[in-house]
Amino acid sequence: MIRYMCDMCKREIDPVSETRYQVKIEISAAFDPIEEDEPDDRDHLEEIHDLLERFEVHDAEAFEPAHVVLTFDLCSQCRKRFLRNPLGRGAVRVMGMSDN
């Protein structure tokens, strides 16, 4: 038998007696459409050269995948919490130093 765990609270989800919810988050690079009024006489080799120069600078983000899909299992209680705050805003508190 397959065992399911809630990825938020780590509680086991019994598929016989309760509903298991699946959250899929898809992250893709957003590209603006090419405008048709751009000149056709662009120097494509120069553009490629510029891109390669940017990659030579140790830019780790340049080598990350442009498309990622994350999948999580949630119990019914965590599903409700997730829907109230799907981006987790305010979940991480910034620790500040006192003025002492």
PDB file of N, CA and C in Angstrom:
ATOM      1  N   MET A   1       0.824  -1.173   0.000  1.00  0.00           N
ATOM      2  CA  MET A   1       0.000   0.000   0.000  1.00  0.00           C
ATOM      3  C   MET A   1       0.879   1.251   0.000  1.00  0.00           C
ATOM      4  N   ILE A   2       0.517   2.223  -0.800  1.00  0.00           N
ATOM      5  CA  ILE A   2       1.261   3.471  -0.878  1.00  0.00           C
ATOM      6  C   ILE A   2       0.888   4.346   0.317  1.00  0.00           C
ATOM      7  N   ARG A   3       1.902   4.925   0.950  1.00  0.00           N
ATOM      8  CA  ARG A   3       1.670   5.841   2.063  1.00  0.00           C
ATOM      9  C   ARG A   3       1.888   7.261   1.575  1.00  0.00           C
ATOM     10  N   TYR A   4       0.960   8.142   1.916  1.00  0.00           N
ATOM     11  CA  TYR A   4       1.057   9.546   1.538  1.00  0.00           C
ATOM     12  C   TYR A   4       1.264  10.390   2.779  1.00  0.00           C
ATOM     13  N   MET A   5       2.139  11.367   2.684  1.00  0.00           N
ATOM     14  CA  MET A   5       2.409  12.286   3.776  1.00  0.00           C
ATOM     15  C   MET A   5       2.115  13.707   3.298  1.00  0.00           C
ATOM     16  N   CYS A   6       1.531  14.502   4.170  1.00  0.00           N
ATOM     17  CA  CYS A   6       1.302  15.911   3.857  1.00  0.00           C
ATOM     18  C   CYS A   6       2.658  16.606   3.848  1.00  0.00           C
ATOM     19  N   ASP A   7       2.950  17.308   2.789  1.00  0.00           N
ATOM     20  CA  ASP A   7       4.253  17.968   2.664  1.00  0.00           C
ATOM     21  C   ASP A   7       4.375  19.215   3.532  1.00  0.00           C
ATOM     22  N   MET A   8       3.263  19.684   4.108  1.00  0.00           N
ATOM     23  CA  MET A   8       3.344  20.837   5.008  1.00  0.00           C
ATOM     24  C   MET A   8       3.474  20.404   6.464  1.00  0.00           C
ATOM     25  N   CYS A   9       2.556  19.594   6.935  1.00  0.00           N
ATOM     26  CA  CYS A   9       2.547  19.228   8.360  1.00  0.00           C
ATOM     27  C   CYS A   9       3.185  17.870   8.631  1.00  0.00           C
ATOM     28  N   LYS A  10       3.528  17.138   7.586  1.00  0.00           N
ATOM     29  CA  LYS A  10       4.189  15.824   7.677  1.00  0.00           C
ATOM     30  C   LYS A  10       3.308  14.736   8.277  1.00  0.00           C
ATOM     31  N   ARG A  11       1.999  14.985   8.351  1.00  0.00           N
ATOM     32  CA  ARG A  11       1.064  13.989   8.871  1.00  0.00           C
ATOM     33  C   ARG A  11       0.725  13.002   7.761  1.00  0.00           C
ATOM     34  N   GLU A  12       0.548  11.730   8.130  1.00  0.00           N
ATOM     35  CA  GLU A  12       0.160  10.725   7.140  1.00  0.00           C
ATOM     36  C   GLU A  12      -1.275  10.970   6.691  1.00  0.00           C
ATOM     37  N   ILE A  13      -1.512  10.853   5.393  1.00  0.00           N
ATOM     38  CA  ILE A  13      -2.846  11.027   4.812  1.00  0.00           C
ATOM     39  C   ILE A  13      -3.379   9.650   4.457  1.00  0.00           C
ATOM     40  N   ASP A  14      -4.503   9.296   5.055  1.00  0.00           N
ATOM     41  CA  ASP A  14      -5.133   8.009   4.778  1.00  0.00           C
ATOM     42  C   ASP A  14      -6.056   8.191   3.565  1.00  0.00           C
ATOM     43  N   PRO A  15      -5.689   7.652   2.386  1.00  0.00           N
ATOM     44  CA  PRO A  15      -6.498   7.862   1.183  1.00  0.00           C
ATOM     45  C   PRO A  15      -7.874   7.208   1.235  1.00  0.00           C
ATOM     46  N   VAL A  16      -8.089   6.297   2.168  1.00  0.00           N
ATOM     47  CA  VAL A  16      -9.382   5.632   2.296  1.00  0.00           C
ATOM     48  C   VAL A  16     -10.384   6.531   3.019  1.00  0.00           C
ATOM     49  N   SER A  17      -9.926   7.234   4.050  1.00  0.00           N
ATOM     50  CA  SER A  17     -10.854   8.007   4.883  1.00  0.00           C
ATOM     51  C   SER A  17     -10.797   9.520   4.669  1.00  0.00           C
ATOM     52  N   GLU A  18      -9.808  10.021   3.928  1.00  0.00           N
ATOM     53  CA  GLU A  18      -9.727  11.468   3.705  1.00  0.00           C
ATOM     54  C   GLU A  18      -9.194  11.775   2.315  1.00  0.00           C
ATOM     55  N   THR A  19      -9.423  12.989   1.906  1.00  0.00           N
ATOM     56  CA  THR A  19      -8.996  13.410   0.571  1.00  0.00           C
ATOM     57  C   THR A  19      -7.563  13.925   0.621  1.00  0.00           C
ATOM     58  N   ARG A  20      -6.786  13.483  -0.321  1.00  0.00           N
ATOM     59  CA  ARG A  20      -5.416  13.980  -0.486  1.00  0.00           C
ATOM     60  C   ARG A  20      -5.448  14.997  -1.611  1.00  0.00           C
ATOM     61  N   TYR A  21      -4.914  16.174  -1.354  1.00  0.00           N
ATOM     62  CA  TYR A  21      -4.887  17.232  -2.351  1.00  0.00           C
ATOM     63  C   TYR A  21      -3.477  17.359  -2.907  1.00  0.00           C
ATOM     64  N   GLN A  22      -3.406  17.597  -4.205  1.00  0.00           N
ATOM     65  CA  GLN A  22      -2.124  17.744  -4.869  1.00  0.00           C
ATOM     66  C   GLN A  22      -1.992  19.177  -5.369  1.00  0.00           C
ATOM     67  N   VAL A  23      -0.890  19.816  -5.017  1.00  0.00           N
ATOM     68  CA  VAL A  23      -0.590  21.170  -5.471  1.00  0.00           C
ATOM     69  C   VAL A  23       0.551  21.060  -6.461  1.00  0.00           C
ATOM     70  N   LYS A  24       0.352  21.630  -7.641  1.00  0.00           N
ATOM     71  CA  LYS A  24       1.421  21.674  -8.643  1.00  0.00           C
ATOM     72  C   LYS A  24       1.754  23.135  -8.896  1.00  0.00           C
ATOM     73  N   ILE A  25       3.012  23.454  -8.733  1.00  0.00           N
ATOM     74  CA  ILE A  25       3.497  24.805  -8.988  1.00  0.00           C
ATOM     75  C   ILE A  25       4.411  24.739 -10.196  1.00  0.00           C
ATOM     76  N   GLU A  26       4.080  25.530 -11.191  1.00  0.00           N
ATOM     77  CA  GLU A  26       4.853  25.553 -12.431  1.00  0.00           C
ATOM     78  C   GLU A  26       5.536  26.911 -12.534  1.00  0.00           C
ATOM     79  N   ILE A  27       6.852  26.887 -12.662  1.00  0.00           N
ATOM     80  CA  ILE A  27       7.631  28.113 -12.746  1.00  0.00           C
ATOM     81  C   ILE A  27       8.330  28.127 -14.102  1.00  0.00           C
ATOM     82  N   SER A  28       8.063  29.178 -14.878  1.00  0.00           N
ATOM     83  CA  SER A  28       8.653  29.295 -16.208  1.00  0.00           C
ATOM     84  C   SER A  28       9.210  30.697 -16.405  1.00  0.00           C
ATOM     85  N   ALA A  29      10.244  30.784 -17.192  1.00  0.00           N
ATOM     86  CA  ALA A  29      10.785  32.093 -17.552  1.00  0.00           C
ATOM     87  C   ALA A  29       9.761  32.807 -18.423  1.00  0.00           C
ATOM     88  N   ALA A  30       9.542  34.070 -18.131  1.00  0.00           N
ATOM     89  CA  ALA A  30       8.571  34.862 -18.897  1.00  0.00           C
ATOM     90  C   ALA A  30       9.326  35.712 -19.923  1.00  0.00           C
ATOM     91  N   PHE A  31       8.941  35.559 -21.146  1.00  0.00           N
ATOM     92  CA  PHE A  31       9.574  36.318 -22.217  1.00  0.00           C
ATOM     93  C   PHE A  31       8.542  37.226 -22.854  1.00  0.00           C
ATOM     94  N   ASP A  32       8.943  38.461 -23.072  1.00  0.00           N
ATOM     95  CA  ASP A  32       8.057  39.393 -23.759  1.00  0.00           C
ATOM     96  C   ASP A  32       8.054  39.058 -25.240  1.00  0.00           C
ATOM     97  N   PRO A  33       6.911  39.233 -25.893  1.00  0.00           N
ATOM     98  CA  PRO A  33       6.869  38.940 -27.325  1.00  0.00           C
ATOM     99  C   PRO A  33       7.755  39.912 -28.104  1.00  0.00           C
ATOM    100  N   ILE A  34       8.302  39.415 -29.186  1.00  0.00           N
ATOM    101  CA  ILE A  34       9.132  40.249 -30.050  1.00  0.00           C
ATOM    102  C   ILE A  34       8.218  41.201 -30.809  1.00  0.00           C
ATOM    103  N   GLU A  35       8.590  42.452 -30.765  1.00  0.00           N
ATOM    104  CA  GLU A  35       7.776  43.441 -31.464  1.00  0.00           C
ATOM    105  C   GLU A  35       8.084  43.386 -32.952  1.00  0.00           C
ATOM    106  N   GLU A  36       7.041  43.483 -33.746  1.00  0.00           N
ATOM    107  CA  GLU A  36       7.199  43.340 -35.186  1.00  0.00           C
ATOM    108  C   GLU A  36       7.883  44.538 -35.823  1.00  0.00           C
ATOM    109  N   ASP A  37       7.904  45.670 -35.141  1.00  0.00           N
ATOM    110  CA  ASP A  37       8.516  46.848 -35.738  1.00  0.00           C
ATOM    111  C   ASP A  37      10.017  46.931 -35.486  1.00  0.00           C
ATOM    112  N   GLU A  38      10.614  45.878 -34.911  1.00  0.00           N
ATOM    113  CA  GLU A  38      12.060  45.854 -34.724  1.00  0.00           C
ATOM    114  C   GLU A  38      12.726  45.688 -36.086  1.00  0.00           C
ATOM    115  N   PRO A  39      13.857  46.327 -36.268  1.00  0.00           N
ATOM    116  CA  PRO A  39      14.529  46.223 -37.578  1.00  0.00           C
ATOM    117  C   PRO A  39      15.021  44.801 -37.840  1.00  0.00           C
ATOM    118  N   ASP A  40      14.961  44.392 -39.091  1.00  0.00           N
ATOM    119  CA  ASP A  40      15.405  43.056 -39.482  1.00  0.00           C
ATOM    120  C   ASP A  40      16.921  42.976 -39.651  1.00  0.00           C
ATOM    121  N   ASP A  41      17.595  44.096 -39.588  1.00  0.00           N
ATOM    122  CA  ASP A  41      19.036  44.106 -39.809  1.00  0.00           C
ATOM    123  C   ASP A  41      19.829  43.975 -38.506  1.00  0.00           C
ATOM    124  N   ARG A  42      19.249  43.247 -37.531  1.00  0.00           N
ATOM    125  CA  ARG A  42      19.931  43.029 -36.258  1.00  0.00           C
ATOM    126  C   ARG A  42      21.157  42.161 -36.478  1.00  0.00           C
ATOM    127  N   ASP A  43      22.185  42.400 -35.699  1.00  0.00           N
ATOM    128  CA  ASP A  43      23.406  41.604 -35.753  1.00  0.00           C
ATOM    129  C   ASP A  43      23.253  40.440 -34.771  1.00  0.00           C
ATOM    130  N   HIS A  44      22.770  39.316 -35.288  1.00  0.00           N
ATOM    131  CA  HIS A  44      22.503  38.166 -34.430  1.00  0.00           C
ATOM    132  C   HIS A  44      23.783  37.600 -33.814  1.00  0.00           C
ATOM    133  N   LEU A  45      24.879  37.623 -34.557  1.00  0.00           N
ATOM    134  CA  LEU A  45      26.142  37.123 -34.002  1.00  0.00           C
ATOM    135  C   LEU A  45      26.596  37.989 -32.826  1.00  0.00           C
ATOM    136  N   GLU A  46      26.409  39.283 -32.928  1.00  0.00           N
ATOM    137  CA  GLU A  46      26.770  40.180 -31.833  1.00  0.00           C
ATOM    138  C   GLU A  46      25.897  39.906 -30.604  1.00  0.00           C
ATOM    139  N   GLU A  47      24.611  39.639 -30.830  1.00  0.00           N
ATOM    140  CA  GLU A  47      23.709  39.330 -29.724  1.00  0.00           C
ATOM    141  C   GLU A  47      24.127  38.031 -29.031  1.00  0.00           C
ATOM    142  N   ILE A  48      24.504  37.024 -29.823  1.00  0.00           N
ATOM    143  CA  ILE A  48      24.965  35.750 -29.259  1.00  0.00           C
ATOM    144  C   ILE A  48      26.257  35.964 -28.474  1.00  0.00           C
ATOM    145  N   HIS A  49      27.145  36.777 -29.023  1.00  0.00           N
ATOM    146  CA  HIS A  49      28.405  37.088 -28.338  1.00  0.00           C
ATOM    147  C   HIS A  49      28.128  37.761 -26.986  1.00  0.00           C
ATOM    148  N   ASP A  50      27.217  38.704 -26.962  1.00  0.00           N
ATOM    149  CA  ASP A  50      26.857  39.390 -25.713  1.00  0.00           C
ATOM    150  C   ASP A  50      26.295  38.404 -24.689  1.00  0.00           C
ATOM    151  N   LEU A  51      25.445  37.483 -25.149  1.00  0.00           N
ATOM    152  CA  LEU A  51      24.886  36.474 -24.244  1.00  0.00           C
ATOM    153  C   LEU A  51      25.976  35.578 -23.664  1.00  0.00           C
ATOM    154  N   LEU A  52      26.900  35.140 -24.516  1.00  0.00           N
ATOM    155  CA  LEU A  52      27.982  34.277 -24.050  1.00  0.00           C
ATOM    156  C   LEU A  52      28.882  35.002 -23.051  1.00  0.00           C
ATOM    157  N   GLU A  53      29.111  36.290 -23.268  1.00  0.00           N
ATOM    158  CA  GLU A  53      29.909  37.068 -22.317  1.00  0.00           C
ATOM    159  C   GLU A  53      29.208  37.143 -20.963  1.00  0.00           C
ATOM    160  N   ARG A  54      27.900  37.292 -20.976  1.00  0.00           N
ATOM    161  CA  ARG A  54      27.164  37.330 -19.711  1.00  0.00           C
ATOM    162  C   ARG A  54      27.260  35.992 -18.990  1.00  0.00           C
ATOM    163  N   PHE A  55      27.265  34.885 -19.742  1.00  0.00           N
ATOM    164  CA  PHE A  55      27.366  33.569 -19.116  1.00  0.00           C
ATOM    165  C   PHE A  55      28.746  33.331 -18.524  1.00  0.00           C
ATOM    166  N   GLU A  56      29.775  33.961 -19.112  1.00  0.00           N
ATOM    167  CA  GLU A  56      31.128  33.786 -18.605  1.00  0.00           C
ATOM    168  C   GLU A  56      31.275  34.380 -17.209  1.00  0.00           C
ATOM    169  N   VAL A  57      30.543  35.451 -16.949  1.00  0.00           N
ATOM    170  CA  VAL A  57      30.524  35.988 -15.595  1.00  0.00           C
ATOM    171  C   VAL A  57      29.793  34.940 -14.774  1.00  0.00           C
ATOM    172  N   HIS A  58      30.320  34.542 -13.671  1.00  0.00           N
ATOM    173  CA  HIS A  58      29.814  33.406 -12.909  1.00  0.00           C
ATOM    174  C   HIS A  58      28.389  33.653 -12.431  1.00  0.00           C
ATOM    175  N   ASP A  59      27.477  33.602 -13.351  1.00  0.00           N
ATOM    176  CA  ASP A  59      26.065  33.849 -13.066  1.00  0.00           C
ATOM    177  C   ASP A  59      25.368  32.501 -12.942  1.00  0.00           C
ATOM    178  N   ALA A  60      25.168  32.062 -11.702  1.00  0.00           N
ATOM    179  CA  ALA A  60      24.549  30.751 -11.473  1.00  0.00           C
ATOM    180  C   ALA A  60      23.130  30.710 -12.007  1.00  0.00           C
ATOM    181  N   GLU A  61      22.425  31.829 -11.966  1.00  0.00           N
ATOM    182  CA  GLU A  61      21.040  31.862 -12.440  1.00  0.00           C
ATOM    183  C   GLU A  61      20.952  31.563 -13.934  1.00  0.00           C
ATOM    184  N   ALA A  62      21.996  31.881 -14.673  1.00  0.00           N
ATOM    185  CA  ALA A  62      21.975  31.658 -16.118  1.00  0.00           C
ATOM    186  C   ALA A  62      21.909  30.173 -16.454  1.00  0.00           C
ATOM    187  N   PHE A  63      22.336  29.316 -15.539  1.00  0.00           N
ATOM    188  CA  PHE A  63      22.369  27.890 -15.817  1.00  0.00           C
ATOM    189  C   PHE A  63      21.254  27.118 -15.117  1.00  0.00           C
ATOM    190  N   GLU A  64      20.362  27.825 -14.449  1.00  0.00           N
ATOM    191  CA  GLU A  64      19.219  27.167 -13.832  1.00  0.00           C
ATOM    192  C   GLU A  64      18.182  26.878 -14.906  1.00  0.00           C
ATOM    193  N   PRO A  65      17.404  25.813 -14.725  1.00  0.00           N
ATOM    194  CA  PRO A  65      16.376  25.510 -15.732  1.00  0.00           C
ATOM    195  C   PRO A  65      15.340  26.627 -15.816  1.00  0.00           C
ATOM    196  N   ALA A  66      14.858  26.891 -17.021  1.00  0.00           N
ATOM    197  CA  ALA A  66      13.871  27.947 -17.241  1.00  0.00           C
ATOM    198  C   ALA A  66      12.462  27.465 -16.929  1.00  0.00           C
ATOM    199  N   HIS A  67      12.295  26.167 -16.755  1.00  0.00           N
ATOM    200  CA  HIS A  67      10.965  25.614 -16.483  1.00  0.00           C
ATOM    201  C   HIS A  67      11.085  24.544 -15.399  1.00  0.00           C
ATOM    202  N   VAL A  68      10.341  24.729 -14.310  1.00  0.00           N
ATOM    203  CA  VAL A  68      10.372  23.786 -13.189  1.00  0.00           C
ATOM    204  C   VAL A  68       8.935  23.517 -12.760  1.00  0.00           C
ATOM    205  N   VAL A  69       8.621  22.262 -12.482  1.00  0.00           N
ATOM    206  CA  VAL A  69       7.305  21.888 -11.952  1.00  0.00           C
ATOM    207  C   VAL A  69       7.523  21.213 -10.606  1.00  0.00           C
ATOM    208  N   LEU A  70       6.876  21.758  -9.578  1.00  0.00           N
ATOM    209  CA  LEU A  70       6.959  21.204  -8.232  1.00  0.00           C
ATOM    210  C   LEU A  70       5.602  20.620  -7.875  1.00  0.00           C
ATOM    211  N   THR A  71       5.576  19.461  -7.233  1.00  0.00           N
ATOM    212  CA  THR A  71       4.326  18.809  -6.843  1.00  0.00           C
ATOM    213  C   THR A  71       4.372  18.482  -5.361  1.00  0.00           C
ATOM    214  N   PHE A  72       3.279  18.820  -4.652  1.00  0.00           N
ATOM    215  CA  PHE A  72       3.189  18.591  -3.219  1.00  0.00           C
ATOM    216  C   PHE A  72       1.850  17.944  -2.883  1.00  0.00           C
ATOM    217  N   ASP A  73       1.839  17.085  -1.872  1.00  0.00           N
ATOM    218  CA  ASP A  73       0.610  16.501  -1.339  1.00  0.00           C
ATOM    219  C   ASP A  73       0.227  17.270  -0.089  1.00  0.00           C
ATOM    220  N   LEU A  74      -1.071  17.580   0.043  1.00  0.00           N
ATOM    221  CA  LEU A  74      -1.563  18.291   1.214  1.00  0.00           C
ATOM    222  C   LEU A  74      -2.763  17.582   1.812  1.00  0.00           C
ATOM    223  N   CYS A  75      -2.869  17.642   3.134  1.00  0.00           N
ATOM    224  CA  CYS A  75      -4.081  17.178   3.800  1.00  0.00           C
ATOM    225  C   CYS A  75      -5.124  18.296   3.690  1.00  0.00           C
ATOM    226  N   SER A  76      -6.344  18.021   4.140  1.00  0.00           N
ATOM    227  CA  SER A  76      -7.410  19.012   3.966  1.00  0.00           C
ATOM    228  C   SER A  76      -7.153  20.279   4.783  1.00  0.00           C
ATOM    229  N   GLN A  77      -6.583  20.158   5.984  1.00  0.00           N
ATOM    230  CA  GLN A  77      -6.307  21.340   6.796  1.00  0.00           C
ATOM    231  C   GLN A  77      -5.222  22.208   6.156  1.00  0.00           C
ATOM    232  N   CYS A  78      -4.177  21.590   5.673  1.00  0.00           N
ATOM    233  CA  CYS A  78      -3.088  22.342   5.042  1.00  0.00           C
ATOM    234  C   CYS A  78      -3.521  22.922   3.703  1.00  0.00           C
ATOM    235  N   ARG A  79      -4.445  22.272   3.020  1.00  0.00           N
ATOM    236  CA  ARG A  79      -4.994  22.820   1.784  1.00  0.00           C
ATOM    237  C   ARG A  79      -5.666  24.151   2.072  1.00  0.00           C
ATOM    238  N   LYS A  80      -6.459  24.204   3.162  1.00  0.00           N
ATOM    239  CA  LYS A  80      -7.136  25.450   3.534  1.00  0.00           C
ATOM    240  C   LYS A  80      -6.123  26.546   3.853  1.00  0.00           C
ATOM    241  N   ARG A  81      -5.080  26.181   4.617  1.00  0.00           N
ATOM    242  CA  ARG A  81      -4.036  27.172   4.941  1.00  0.00           C
ATOM    243  C   ARG A  81      -3.327  27.656   3.682  1.00  0.00           C
ATOM    244  N   PHE A  82      -3.039  26.734   2.767  1.00  0.00           N
ATOM    245  CA  PHE A  82      -2.347  27.087   1.530  1.00  0.00           C
ATOM    246  C   PHE A  82      -3.198  28.044   0.692  1.00  0.00           C
ATOM    247  N   LEU A  83      -4.488  27.768   0.582  1.00  0.00           N
ATOM    248  CA  LEU A  83      -5.365  28.615  -0.228  1.00  0.00           C
ATOM    249  C   LEU A  83      -5.516  30.016   0.364  1.00  0.00           C
ATOM    250  N   ARG A  84      -5.416  30.145   1.680  1.00  0.00           N
ATOM    251  CA  ARG A  84      -5.492  31.476   2.300  1.00  0.00           C
ATOM    252  C   ARG A  84      -4.245  32.308   2.011  1.00  0.00           C
ATOM    253  N   ASN A  85      -3.102  31.661   1.824  1.00  0.00           N
ATOM    254  CA  ASN A  85      -1.844  32.379   1.625  1.00  0.00           C
ATOM    255  C   ASN A  85      -0.914  31.564   0.723  1.00  0.00           C
ATOM    256  N   PRO A  86      -1.245  31.435  -0.577  1.00  0.00           N
ATOM    257  CA  PRO A  86      -0.466  30.545  -1.454  1.00  0.00           C
ATOM    258  C   PRO A  86       0.991  30.964  -1.657  1.00  0.00           C
ATOM    259  N   LEU A  87       1.309  32.235  -1.507  1.00  0.00           N
ATOM    260  CA  LEU A  87       2.692  32.669  -1.690  1.00  0.00           C
ATOM    261  C   LEU A  87       3.479  32.717  -0.388  1.00  0.00           C
ATOM    262  N   GLY A  88       2.825  32.401   0.717  1.00  0.00           N
ATOM    263  CA  GLY A  88       3.513  32.374   1.993  1.00  0.00           C
ATOM    264  C   GLY A  88       3.958  33.749   2.471  1.00  0.00           C
ATOM    265  N   ARG A  89       3.249  34.782   2.062  1.00  0.00           N
ATOM    266  CA  ARG A  89       3.621  36.141   2.470  1.00  0.00           C
ATOM    267  C   ARG A  89       3.508  36.274   3.984  1.00  0.00           C
ATOM    268  N   GLY A  90       4.517  36.865   4.559  1.00  0.00           N
ATOM    269  CA  GLY A  90       4.527  37.077   5.996  1.00  0.00           C
ATOM    270  C   GLY A  90       4.913  35.844   6.786  1.00  0.00           C
ATOM    271  N   ALA A  91       5.146  34.726   6.129  1.00  0.00           N
ATOM    272  CA  ALA A  91       5.489  33.494   6.839  1.00  0.00           C
ATOM    273  C   ALA A  91       6.897  33.560   7.419  1.00  0.00           C
ATOM    274  N   VAL A  92       7.789  34.262   6.745  1.00  0.00           N
ATOM    275  CA  VAL A  92       9.164  34.389   7.206  1.00  0.00           C
ATOM    276  C   VAL A  92       9.307  35.758   7.859  1.00  0.00           C
ATOM    277  N   ARG A  93       9.651  35.750   9.113  1.00  0.00           N
ATOM    278  CA  ARG A  93       9.830  37.006   9.824  1.00  0.00           C
ATOM    279  C   ARG A  93      11.297  37.394   9.776  1.00  0.00           C
ATOM    280  N   VAL A  94      11.535  38.656   9.488  1.00  0.00           N
ATOM    281  CA  VAL A  94      12.911  39.150   9.436  1.00  0.00           C
ATOM    282  C   VAL A  94      13.348  39.453  10.863  1.00  0.00           C
ATOM    283  N   MET A  95      14.455  38.878  11.237  1.00  0.00           N
ATOM    284  CA  MET A  95      14.993  39.104  12.575  1.00  0.00           C
ATOM    285  C   MET A  95      15.758  40.411  12.578  1.00  0.00           C
ATOM    286  N   GLY A  96      15.339  41.334  13.407  1.00  0.00           N
ATOM    287  CA  GLY A  96      16.014  42.626  13.483  1.00  0.00           C
ATOM    288  C   GLY A  96      16.836  42.727  14.747  1.00  0.00           C
ATOM    289  N   MET A  97      17.783  43.620  14.736  1.00  0.00           N
ATOM    290  CA  MET A  97      18.629  43.868  15.888  1.00  0.00           C
ATOM    291  C   MET A  97      18.016  45.002  16.695  1.00  0.00           C
ATOM    292  N   SER A  98      18.138  44.948  18.000  1.00  0.00           N
ATOM    293  CA  SER A  98      17.625  46.030  18.851  1.00  0.00           C
ATOM    294  C   SER A  98      18.539  47.234  18.742  1.00  0.00           C
ATOM    295  N   ASP A  99      18.052  48.376  19.189  1.00  0.00           N
ATOM    296  CA  ASP A  99      18.815  49.608  19.117  1.00  0.00           C
ATOM    297  C   ASP A  99      19.786  49.755  20.295  1.00  0.00           C
ATOM    298  N   ASN A 100      19.923  48.733  21.135  1.00  0.00           N
ATOM    299  CA  ASN A 100      20.794  48.813  22.318  1.00  0.00           C
ATOM    300  C   ASN A 100      22.228  48.910  21.916  1.00  0.00           C
TER     301      ASN A 100
END
